[in-house]
mmCIF file of all heavy atoms, coordinates in Angstrom:
data_MODEL
# 
_entry.id   MODEL 
# 
loop_
_atom_site.group_PDB 
_atom_site.id 
_atom_site.type_symbol 
_atom_site.label_atom_id 
_atom_site.label_alt_id 
_atom_site.label_comp_id 
_atom_site.label_asym_id 
_atom_site.label_entity_id 
_atom_site.label_seq_id 
_atom_site.pdbx_PDB_ins_code 
_atom_site.Cartn_x 
_atom_site.Cartn_y 
_atom_site.Cartn_z 
_atom_site.occupancy 
_atom_site.B_iso_or_equiv 
_atom_site.pdbx_formal_charge 
_atom_site.auth_seq_id 
_atom_site.auth_comp_id 
_atom_site.auth_asym_id 
_atom_site.auth_atom_id 
_atom_site.pdbx_PDB_model_num 
ATOM 1   N N   . GLN A 1 1  ? 64.452 2.683  6.640  1.00 0.00 ? 1  GLN A N   1 
ATOM 2   C CA  . GLN A 1 1  ? 65.465 2.475  7.677  1.00 0.00 ? 1  GLN A CA  1 
ATOM 3   C C   . GLN A 1 1  ? 64.897 2.428  9.092  1.00 0.00 ? 1  GLN A C   1 
ATOM 4   O O   . GLN A 1 1  ? 65.641 2.197  10.043 1.00 0.00 ? 1  GLN A O   1 
ATOM 5   C CB  . GLN A 1 1  ? 66.515 3.603  7.623  1.00 0.00 ? 1  GLN A CB  1 
ATOM 6   C CG  . GLN A 1 1  ? 67.395 3.573  6.396  1.00 0.00 ? 1  GLN A CG  1 
ATOM 7   C CD  . GLN A 1 1  ? 68.412 4.706  6.403  1.00 0.00 ? 1  GLN A CD  1 
ATOM 8   O OE1 . GLN A 1 1  ? 68.091 5.850  6.746  1.00 0.00 ? 1  GLN A OE1 1 
ATOM 9   N NE2 . GLN A 1 1  ? 69.640 4.402  6.027  1.00 0.00 ? 1  GLN A NE2 1 
ATOM 10  N N   . GLY A 1 2  ? 63.606 2.632  9.232  1.00 0.00 ? 2  GLY A N   1 
ATOM 11  C CA  . GLY A 1 2  ? 63.022 2.755  10.569 1.00 0.00 ? 2  GLY A CA  1 
ATOM 12  C C   . GLY A 1 2  ? 63.318 1.593  11.489 1.00 0.00 ? 2  GLY A C   1 
ATOM 13  O O   . GLY A 1 2  ? 63.725 1.777  12.637 1.00 0.00 ? 2  GLY A O   1 
ATOM 14  N N   . ASP A 1 3  ? 63.115 0.365  11.015 1.00 0.00 ? 3  ASP A N   1 
ATOM 15  C CA  . ASP A 1 3  ? 63.328 -0.803 11.872 1.00 0.00 ? 3  ASP A CA  1 
ATOM 16  C C   . ASP A 1 3  ? 64.792 -0.933 12.268 1.00 0.00 ? 3  ASP A C   1 
ATOM 17  O O   . ASP A 1 3  ? 65.110 -1.281 13.421 1.00 0.00 ? 3  ASP A O   1 
ATOM 18  C CB  . ASP A 1 3  ? 62.864 -2.068 11.148 1.00 0.00 ? 3  ASP A CB  1 
ATOM 19  C CG  . ASP A 1 3  ? 61.351 -2.148 11.019 1.00 0.00 ? 3  ASP A CG  1 
ATOM 20  O OD1 . ASP A 1 3  ? 60.654 -1.409 11.741 1.00 0.00 ? 3  ASP A OD1 1 
ATOM 21  O OD2 . ASP A 1 3  ? 60.874 -2.947 10.190 1.00 0.00 ? 3  ASP A OD2 1 
ATOM 22  N N   . ASP A 1 4  ? 65.695 -0.657 11.332 1.00 0.00 ? 4  ASP A N   1 
ATOM 23  C CA  . ASP A 1 4  ? 67.120 -0.749 11.648 1.00 0.00 ? 4  ASP A CA  1 
ATOM 24  C C   . ASP A 1 4  ? 67.530 0.297  12.675 1.00 0.00 ? 4  ASP A C   1 
ATOM 25  O O   . ASP A 1 4  ? 68.297 0.004  13.604 1.00 0.00 ? 4  ASP A O   1 
ATOM 26  C CB  . ASP A 1 4  ? 67.953 -0.570 10.377 1.00 0.00 ? 4  ASP A CB  1 
ATOM 27  C CG  . ASP A 1 4  ? 67.857 -1.769 9.439  1.00 0.00 ? 4  ASP A CG  1 
ATOM 28  O OD1 . ASP A 1 4  ? 67.606 -2.882 9.932  1.00 0.00 ? 4  ASP A OD1 1 
ATOM 29  O OD2 . ASP A 1 4  ? 68.027 -1.576 8.224  1.00 0.00 ? 4  ASP A OD2 1 
ATOM 30  N N   . VAL A 1 5  ? 67.030 1.508  12.526 1.00 0.00 ? 5  VAL A N   1 
ATOM 31  C CA  . VAL A 1 5  ? 67.376 2.573  13.469 1.00 0.00 ? 5  VAL A CA  1 
ATOM 32  C C   . VAL A 1 5  ? 66.807 2.263  14.845 1.00 0.00 ? 5  VAL A C   1 
ATOM 33  O O   . VAL A 1 5  ? 67.488 2.424  15.871 1.00 0.00 ? 5  VAL A O   1 
ATOM 34  C CB  . VAL A 1 5  ? 66.865 3.943  12.953 1.00 0.00 ? 5  VAL A CB  1 
ATOM 35  C CG1 . VAL A 1 5  ? 67.072 5.027  14.009 1.00 0.00 ? 5  VAL A CG1 1 
ATOM 36  C CG2 . VAL A 1 5  ? 67.586 4.325  11.663 1.00 0.00 ? 5  VAL A CG2 1 
ATOM 37  N N   . ALA A 1 6  ? 65.573 1.790  14.891 1.00 0.00 ? 6  ALA A N   1 
ATOM 38  C CA  . ALA A 1 6  ? 64.986 1.409  16.181 1.00 0.00 ? 6  ALA A CA  1 
ATOM 39  C C   . ALA A 1 6  ? 65.756 0.263  16.814 1.00 0.00 ? 6  ALA A C   1 
ATOM 40  O O   . ALA A 1 6  ? 65.953 0.226  18.046 1.00 0.00 ? 6  ALA A O   1 
ATOM 41  C CB  . ALA A 1 6  ? 63.519 1.031  15.991 1.00 0.00 ? 6  ALA A CB  1 
ATOM 42  N N   . GLY A 1 7  ? 66.232 -0.673 16.004 1.00 0.00 ? 7  GLY A N   1 
ATOM 43  C CA  . GLY A 1 7  ? 67.025 -1.773 16.531 1.00 0.00 ? 7  GLY A CA  1 
ATOM 44  C C   . GLY A 1 7  ? 68.329 -1.297 17.149 1.00 0.00 ? 7  GLY A C   1 
ATOM 45  O O   . GLY A 1 7  ? 68.756 -1.805 18.198 1.00 0.00 ? 7  GLY A O   1 
ATOM 46  N N   . ILE A 1 8  ? 68.967 -0.331 16.512 1.00 0.00 ? 8  ILE A N   1 
ATOM 47  C CA  . ILE A 1 8  ? 70.196 0.250  17.079 1.00 0.00 ? 8  ILE A CA  1 
ATOM 48  C C   . ILE A 1 8  ? 69.881 0.918  18.407 1.00 0.00 ? 8  ILE A C   1 
ATOM 49  O O   . ILE A 1 8  ? 70.628 0.767  19.395 1.00 0.00 ? 8  ILE A O   1 
ATOM 50  C CB  . ILE A 1 8  ? 70.814 1.257  16.084 1.00 0.00 ? 8  ILE A CB  1 
ATOM 51  C CG1 . ILE A 1 8  ? 71.351 0.515  14.862 1.00 0.00 ? 8  ILE A CG1 1 
ATOM 52  C CG2 . ILE A 1 8  ? 71.917 2.078  16.752 1.00 0.00 ? 8  ILE A CG2 1 
ATOM 53  C CD1 . ILE A 1 8  ? 71.739 1.425  13.714 1.00 0.00 ? 8  ILE A CD1 1 
ATOM 54  N N   . ALA A 1 9  ? 68.780 1.660  18.465 1.00 0.00 ? 9  ALA A N   1 
ATOM 55  C CA  . ALA A 1 9  ? 68.399 2.339  19.704 1.00 0.00 ? 9  ALA A CA  1 
ATOM 56  C C   . ALA A 1 9  ? 68.172 1.331  20.827 1.00 0.00 ? 9  ALA A C   1 
ATOM 57  O O   . ALA A 1 9  ? 68.685 1.495  21.944 1.00 0.00 ? 9  ALA A O   1 
ATOM 58  C CB  . ALA A 1 9  ? 67.146 3.179  19.467 1.00 0.00 ? 9  ALA A CB  1 
ATOM 59  N N   . ARG A 1 10 ? 67.435 0.283  20.541 1.00 0.00 ? 10 ARG A N   1 
ATOM 60  C CA  . ARG A 1 10 ? 67.155 -0.716 21.584 1.00 0.00 ? 10 ARG A CA  1 
ATOM 61  C C   . ARG A 1 10 ? 68.440 -1.410 22.035 1.00 0.00 ? 10 ARG A C   1 
ATOM 62  O O   . ARG A 1 10 ? 68.607 -1.726 23.219 1.00 0.00 ? 10 ARG A O   1 
ATOM 63  C CB  . ARG A 1 10 ? 66.150 -1.744 21.068 1.00 0.00 ? 10 ARG A CB  1 
ATOM 64  C CG  . ARG A 1 10 ? 64.762 -1.157 20.810 1.00 0.00 ? 10 ARG A CG  1 
ATOM 65  C CD  . ARG A 1 10 ? 63.748 -2.240 20.481 1.00 0.00 ? 10 ARG A CD  1 
ATOM 66  N NE  . ARG A 1 10 ? 62.444 -1.651 20.148 1.00 0.00 ? 10 ARG A NE  1 
ATOM 67  C CZ  . ARG A 1 10 ? 61.997 -1.453 18.913 1.00 0.00 ? 10 ARG A CZ  1 
ATOM 68  N NH1 . ARG A 1 10 ? 62.753 -1.841 17.866 1.00 0.00 ? 10 ARG A NH1 1 
ATOM 69  N NH2 . ARG A 1 10 ? 60.827 -0.913 18.705 1.00 0.00 ? 10 ARG A NH2 1 
ATOM 70  N N   . GLY A 1 11 ? 69.345 -1.629 21.104 1.00 0.00 ? 11 GLY A N   1 
ATOM 71  C CA  . GLY A 1 11 ? 70.608 -2.253 21.465 1.00 0.00 ? 11 GLY A CA  1 
ATOM 72  C C   . GLY A 1 11 ? 71.449 -1.397 22.410 1.00 0.00 ? 11 GLY A C   1 
ATOM 73  O O   . GLY A 1 11 ? 72.307 -1.923 23.128 1.00 0.00 ? 11 GLY A O   1 
ATOM 74  N N   . GLU A 1 12 ? 71.222 -0.099 22.409 1.00 0.00 ? 12 GLU A N   1 
ATOM 75  C CA  . GLU A 1 12 ? 71.921 0.812  23.308 1.00 0.00 ? 12 GLU A CA  1 
ATOM 76  C C   . GLU A 1 12 ? 71.113 1.123  24.563 1.00 0.00 ? 12 GLU A C   1 
ATOM 77  O O   . GLU A 1 12 ? 71.463 2.018  25.332 1.00 0.00 ? 12 GLU A O   1 
ATOM 78  C CB  . GLU A 1 12 ? 72.250 2.120  22.575 1.00 0.00 ? 12 GLU A CB  1 
ATOM 79  C CG  . GLU A 1 12 ? 73.277 1.972  21.462 1.00 0.00 ? 12 GLU A CG  1 
ATOM 80  C CD  . GLU A 1 12 ? 74.669 1.679  21.982 1.00 0.00 ? 12 GLU A CD  1 
ATOM 81  O OE1 . GLU A 1 12 ? 74.927 1.915  23.191 1.00 0.00 ? 12 GLU A OE1 1 
ATOM 82  O OE2 . GLU A 1 12 ? 75.514 1.202  21.187 1.00 0.00 ? 12 GLU A OE2 1 
ATOM 83  N N   . GLY A 1 13 ? 70.008 0.398  24.763 1.00 0.00 ? 13 GLY A N   1 
ATOM 84  C CA  . GLY A 1 13 ? 69.234 0.542  25.991 1.00 0.00 ? 13 GLY A CA  1 
ATOM 85  C C   . GLY A 1 13 ? 68.068 1.507  25.921 1.00 0.00 ? 13 GLY A C   1 
ATOM 86  O O   . GLY A 1 13 ? 67.420 1.759  26.939 1.00 0.00 ? 13 GLY A O   1 
ATOM 87  N N   . TRP A 1 14 ? 67.781 2.037  24.734 1.00 0.00 ? 14 TRP A N   1 
ATOM 88  C CA  . TRP A 1 14 ? 66.644 2.946  24.589 1.00 0.00 ? 14 TRP A CA  1 
ATOM 89  C C   . TRP A 1 14 ? 65.393 2.104  24.328 1.00 0.00 ? 14 TRP A C   1 
ATOM 90  O O   . TRP A 1 14 ? 65.315 1.373  23.358 1.00 0.00 ? 14 TRP A O   1 
ATOM 91  C CB  . TRP A 1 14 ? 66.863 3.904  23.423 1.00 0.00 ? 14 TRP A CB  1 
ATOM 92  C CG  . TRP A 1 14 ? 68.100 4.760  23.533 1.00 0.00 ? 14 TRP A CG  1 
ATOM 93  C CD1 . TRP A 1 14 ? 69.394 4.347  23.439 1.00 0.00 ? 14 TRP A CD1 1 
ATOM 94  C CD2 . TRP A 1 14 ? 68.146 6.169  23.741 1.00 0.00 ? 14 TRP A CD2 1 
ATOM 95  N NE1 . TRP A 1 14 ? 70.251 5.413  23.569 1.00 0.00 ? 14 TRP A NE1 1 
ATOM 96  C CE2 . TRP A 1 14 ? 69.513 6.553  23.763 1.00 0.00 ? 14 TRP A CE2 1 
ATOM 97  C CE3 . TRP A 1 14 ? 67.172 7.165  23.901 1.00 0.00 ? 14 TRP A CE3 1 
ATOM 98  C CZ2 . TRP A 1 14 ? 69.924 7.862  23.936 1.00 0.00 ? 14 TRP A CZ2 1 
ATOM 99  C CZ3 . TRP A 1 14 ? 67.570 8.479  24.077 1.00 0.00 ? 14 TRP A CZ3 1 
ATOM 100 C CH2 . TRP A 1 14 ? 68.943 8.821  24.101 1.00 0.00 ? 14 TRP A CH2 1 
ATOM 101 N N   . ALA A 1 15 ? 64.386 2.238  25.197 1.00 0.00 ? 15 ALA A N   1 
ATOM 102 C CA  . ALA A 1 15 ? 63.199 1.396  25.075 1.00 0.00 ? 15 ALA A CA  1 
ATOM 103 C C   . ALA A 1 15 ? 61.939 2.192  24.724 1.00 0.00 ? 15 ALA A C   1 
ATOM 104 O O   . ALA A 1 15 ? 61.013 1.641  24.128 1.00 0.00 ? 15 ALA A O   1 
ATOM 105 C CB  . ALA A 1 15 ? 62.972 0.620  26.370 1.00 0.00 ? 15 ALA A CB  1 
ATOM 106 N N   . ASP A 1 16 ? 61.887 3.450  25.089 1.00 0.00 ? 16 ASP A N   1 
ATOM 107 C CA  . ASP A 1 16 ? 60.689 4.274  24.891 1.00 0.00 ? 16 ASP A CA  1 
ATOM 108 C C   . ASP A 1 16 ? 60.803 4.968  23.535 1.00 0.00 ? 16 ASP A C   1 
ATOM 109 O O   . ASP A 1 16 ? 61.323 6.070  23.414 1.00 0.00 ? 16 ASP A O   1 
ATOM 110 C CB  . ASP A 1 16 ? 60.587 5.296  26.025 1.00 0.00 ? 16 ASP A CB  1 
ATOM 111 C CG  . ASP A 1 16 ? 59.215 5.952  26.086 1.00 0.00 ? 16 ASP A CG  1 
ATOM 112 O OD1 . ASP A 1 16 ? 58.433 5.754  25.143 1.00 0.00 ? 16 ASP A OD1 1 
ATOM 113 O OD2 . ASP A 1 16 ? 58.942 6.670  27.062 1.00 0.00 ? 16 ASP A OD2 1 
ATOM 114 N N   . LEU A 1 17 ? 60.317 4.294  22.479 1.00 0.00 ? 17 LEU A N   1 
ATOM 115 C CA  . LEU A 1 17 ? 60.504 4.760  21.106 1.00 0.00 ? 17 LEU A CA  1 
ATOM 116 C C   . LEU A 1 17 ? 59.158 5.060  20.451 1.00 0.00 ? 17 LEU A C   1 
ATOM 117 O O   . LEU A 1 17 ? 58.169 4.382  20.693 1.00 0.00 ? 17 LEU A O   1 
ATOM 118 C CB  . LEU A 1 17 ? 61.244 3.714  20.272 1.00 0.00 ? 17 LEU A CB  1 
ATOM 119 C CG  . LEU A 1 17 ? 62.561 3.173  20.827 1.00 0.00 ? 17 LEU A CG  1 
ATOM 120 C CD1 . LEU A 1 17 ? 63.129 2.112  19.887 1.00 0.00 ? 17 LEU A CD1 1 
ATOM 121 C CD2 . LEU A 1 17 ? 63.558 4.287  21.041 1.00 0.00 ? 17 LEU A CD2 1 
ATOM 122 N N   . GLU A 1 18 ? 59.170 6.076  19.577 1.00 0.00 ? 18 GLU A N   1 
ATOM 123 C CA  . GLU A 1 18 ? 57.939 6.465  18.893 1.00 0.00 ? 18 GLU A CA  1 
ATOM 124 C C   . GLU A 1 18 ? 58.293 7.007  17.505 1.00 0.00 ? 18 GLU A C   1 
ATOM 125 O O   . GLU A 1 18 ? 59.209 7.811  17.358 1.00 0.00 ? 18 GLU A O   1 
ATOM 126 C CB  . GLU A 1 18 ? 57.225 7.543  19.707 1.00 0.00 ? 18 GLU A CB  1 
ATOM 127 C CG  . GLU A 1 18 ? 55.845 7.889  19.230 1.00 0.00 ? 18 GLU A CG  1 
ATOM 128 C CD  . GLU A 1 18 ? 55.171 8.898  20.152 1.00 0.00 ? 18 GLU A CD  1 
ATOM 129 O OE1 . GLU A 1 18 ? 55.753 9.201  21.222 1.00 0.00 ? 18 GLU A OE1 1 
ATOM 130 O OE2 . GLU A 1 18 ? 54.084 9.383  19.796 1.00 0.00 ? 18 GLU A OE2 1 
ATOM 131 N N   . PHE A 1 19 ? 57.553 6.571  16.490 1.00 0.00 ? 19 PHE A N   1 
ATOM 132 C CA  . PHE A 1 19 ? 57.792 7.022  15.122 1.00 0.00 ? 19 PHE A CA  1 
ATOM 133 C C   . PHE A 1 19 ? 56.856 8.169  14.750 1.00 0.00 ? 19 PHE A C   1 
ATOM 134 O O   . PHE A 1 19 ? 55.746 8.280  15.269 1.00 0.00 ? 19 PHE A O   1 
ATOM 135 C CB  . PHE A 1 19 ? 57.577 5.876  14.126 1.00 0.00 ? 19 PHE A CB  1 
ATOM 136 C CG  . PHE A 1 19 ? 58.669 4.843  14.125 1.00 0.00 ? 19 PHE A CG  1 
ATOM 137 C CD1 . PHE A 1 19 ? 58.474 3.609  14.715 1.00 0.00 ? 19 PHE A CD1 1 
ATOM 138 C CD2 . PHE A 1 19 ? 59.896 5.115  13.535 1.00 0.00 ? 19 PHE A CD2 1 
ATOM 139 C CE1 . PHE A 1 19 ? 59.477 2.652  14.720 1.00 0.00 ? 19 PHE A CE1 1 
ATOM 140 C CE2 . PHE A 1 19 ? 60.906 4.167  13.527 1.00 0.00 ? 19 PHE A CE2 1 
ATOM 141 C CZ  . PHE A 1 19 ? 60.691 2.937  14.117 1.00 0.00 ? 19 PHE A CZ  1 
ATOM 142 N N   . ARG A 1 20 ? 57.331 9.006  13.806 1.00 0.00 ? 20 ARG A N   1 
ATOM 143 C CA  . ARG A 1 20 ? 56.506 10.029 13.175 1.00 0.00 ? 20 ARG A CA  1 
ATOM 144 C C   . ARG A 1 20 ? 56.687 9.925  11.662 1.00 0.00 ? 20 ARG A C   1 
ATOM 145 O O   . ARG A 1 20 ? 57.782 9.625  11.182 1.00 0.00 ? 20 ARG A O   1 
ATOM 146 C CB  . ARG A 1 20 ? 56.900 11.434 13.633 1.00 0.00 ? 20 ARG A CB  1 
ATOM 147 C CG  . ARG A 1 20 ? 56.533 11.758 15.058 1.00 0.00 ? 20 ARG A CG  1 
ATOM 148 C CD  . ARG A 1 20 ? 55.031 11.990 15.208 1.00 0.00 ? 20 ARG A CD  1 
ATOM 149 N NE  . ARG A 1 20 ? 54.717 12.482 16.547 1.00 0.00 ? 20 ARG A NE  1 
ATOM 150 C CZ  . ARG A 1 20 ? 54.542 11.708 17.605 1.00 0.00 ? 20 ARG A CZ  1 
ATOM 151 N NH1 . ARG A 1 20 ? 54.681 10.399 17.469 1.00 0.00 ? 20 ARG A NH1 1 
ATOM 152 N NH2 . ARG A 1 20 ? 54.256 12.221 18.780 1.00 0.00 ? 20 ARG A NH2 1 
ATOM 153 N N   . ALA A 1 21 ? 55.615 10.191 10.917 1.00 0.00 ? 21 ALA A N   1 
ATOM 154 C CA  . ALA A 1 21 ? 55.647 10.103 9.458  1.00 0.00 ? 21 ALA A CA  1 
ATOM 155 C C   . ALA A 1 21 ? 55.892 11.470 8.834  1.00 0.00 ? 21 ALA A C   1 
ATOM 156 O O   . ALA A 1 21 ? 55.644 12.515 9.447  1.00 0.00 ? 21 ALA A O   1 
ATOM 157 C CB  . ALA A 1 21 ? 54.340 9.524  8.937  1.00 0.00 ? 21 ALA A CB  1 
ATOM 158 N N   . ASP A 1 22 ? 56.385 11.463 7.585  1.00 0.00 ? 22 ASP A N   1 
ATOM 159 C CA  . ASP A 1 22 ? 56.593 12.712 6.860  1.00 0.00 ? 22 ASP A CA  1 
ATOM 160 C C   . ASP A 1 22 ? 55.323 13.075 6.088  1.00 0.00 ? 22 ASP A C   1 
ATOM 161 O O   . ASP A 1 22 ? 54.261 12.462 6.256  1.00 0.00 ? 22 ASP A O   1 
ATOM 162 C CB  . ASP A 1 22 ? 57.817 12.618 5.935  1.00 0.00 ? 22 ASP A CB  1 
ATOM 163 C CG  . ASP A 1 22 ? 57.676 11.539 4.869  1.00 0.00 ? 22 ASP A CG  1 
ATOM 164 O OD1 . ASP A 1 22 ? 56.539 11.098 4.585  1.00 0.00 ? 22 ASP A OD1 1 
ATOM 165 O OD2 . ASP A 1 22 ? 58.710 11.139 4.301  1.00 0.00 ? 22 ASP A OD2 1 
ATOM 166 N N   . LEU A 1 23 ? 55.429 14.068 5.213  1.00 0.00 ? 23 LEU A N   1 
ATOM 167 C CA  . LEU A 1 23 ? 54.263 14.556 4.477  1.00 0.00 ? 23 LEU A CA  1 
ATOM 168 C C   . LEU A 1 23 ? 53.704 13.512 3.520  1.00 0.00 ? 23 LEU A C   1 
ATOM 169 O O   . LEU A 1 23 ? 52.546 13.610 3.107  1.00 0.00 ? 23 LEU A O   1 
ATOM 170 C CB  . LEU A 1 23 ? 54.639 15.826 3.702  1.00 0.00 ? 23 LEU A CB  1 
ATOM 171 C CG  . LEU A 1 23 ? 55.063 17.018 4.564  1.00 0.00 ? 23 LEU A CG  1 
ATOM 172 C CD1 . LEU A 1 23 ? 55.542 18.160 3.668  1.00 0.00 ? 23 LEU A CD1 1 
ATOM 173 C CD2 . LEU A 1 23 ? 53.920 17.485 5.457  1.00 0.00 ? 23 LEU A CD2 1 
ATOM 174 N N   . ASP A 1 24 ? 54.512 12.511 3.157  1.00 0.00 ? 24 ASP A N   1 
ATOM 175 C CA  . ASP A 1 24 ? 54.060 11.432 2.281  1.00 0.00 ? 24 ASP A CA  1 
ATOM 176 C C   . ASP A 1 24 ? 53.617 10.198 3.060  1.00 0.00 ? 24 ASP A C   1 
ATOM 177 O O   . ASP A 1 24 ? 53.475 9.115  2.492  1.00 0.00 ? 24 ASP A O   1 
ATOM 178 C CB  . ASP A 1 24 ? 55.169 11.049 1.297  1.00 0.00 ? 24 ASP A CB  1 
ATOM 179 C CG  . ASP A 1 24 ? 55.478 12.169 0.318  1.00 0.00 ? 24 ASP A CG  1 
ATOM 180 O OD1 . ASP A 1 24 ? 54.522 12.836 -0.111 1.00 0.00 ? 24 ASP A OD1 1 
ATOM 181 O OD2 . ASP A 1 24 ? 56.662 12.374 -0.002 1.00 0.00 ? 24 ASP A OD2 1 
# 
């Protein structure tokens, strides 16, 4: 879901985004 969630964020004006991975 990462790309979809980031797309929602950008659509609301959030530009400074960073991902983190889980234990896997």
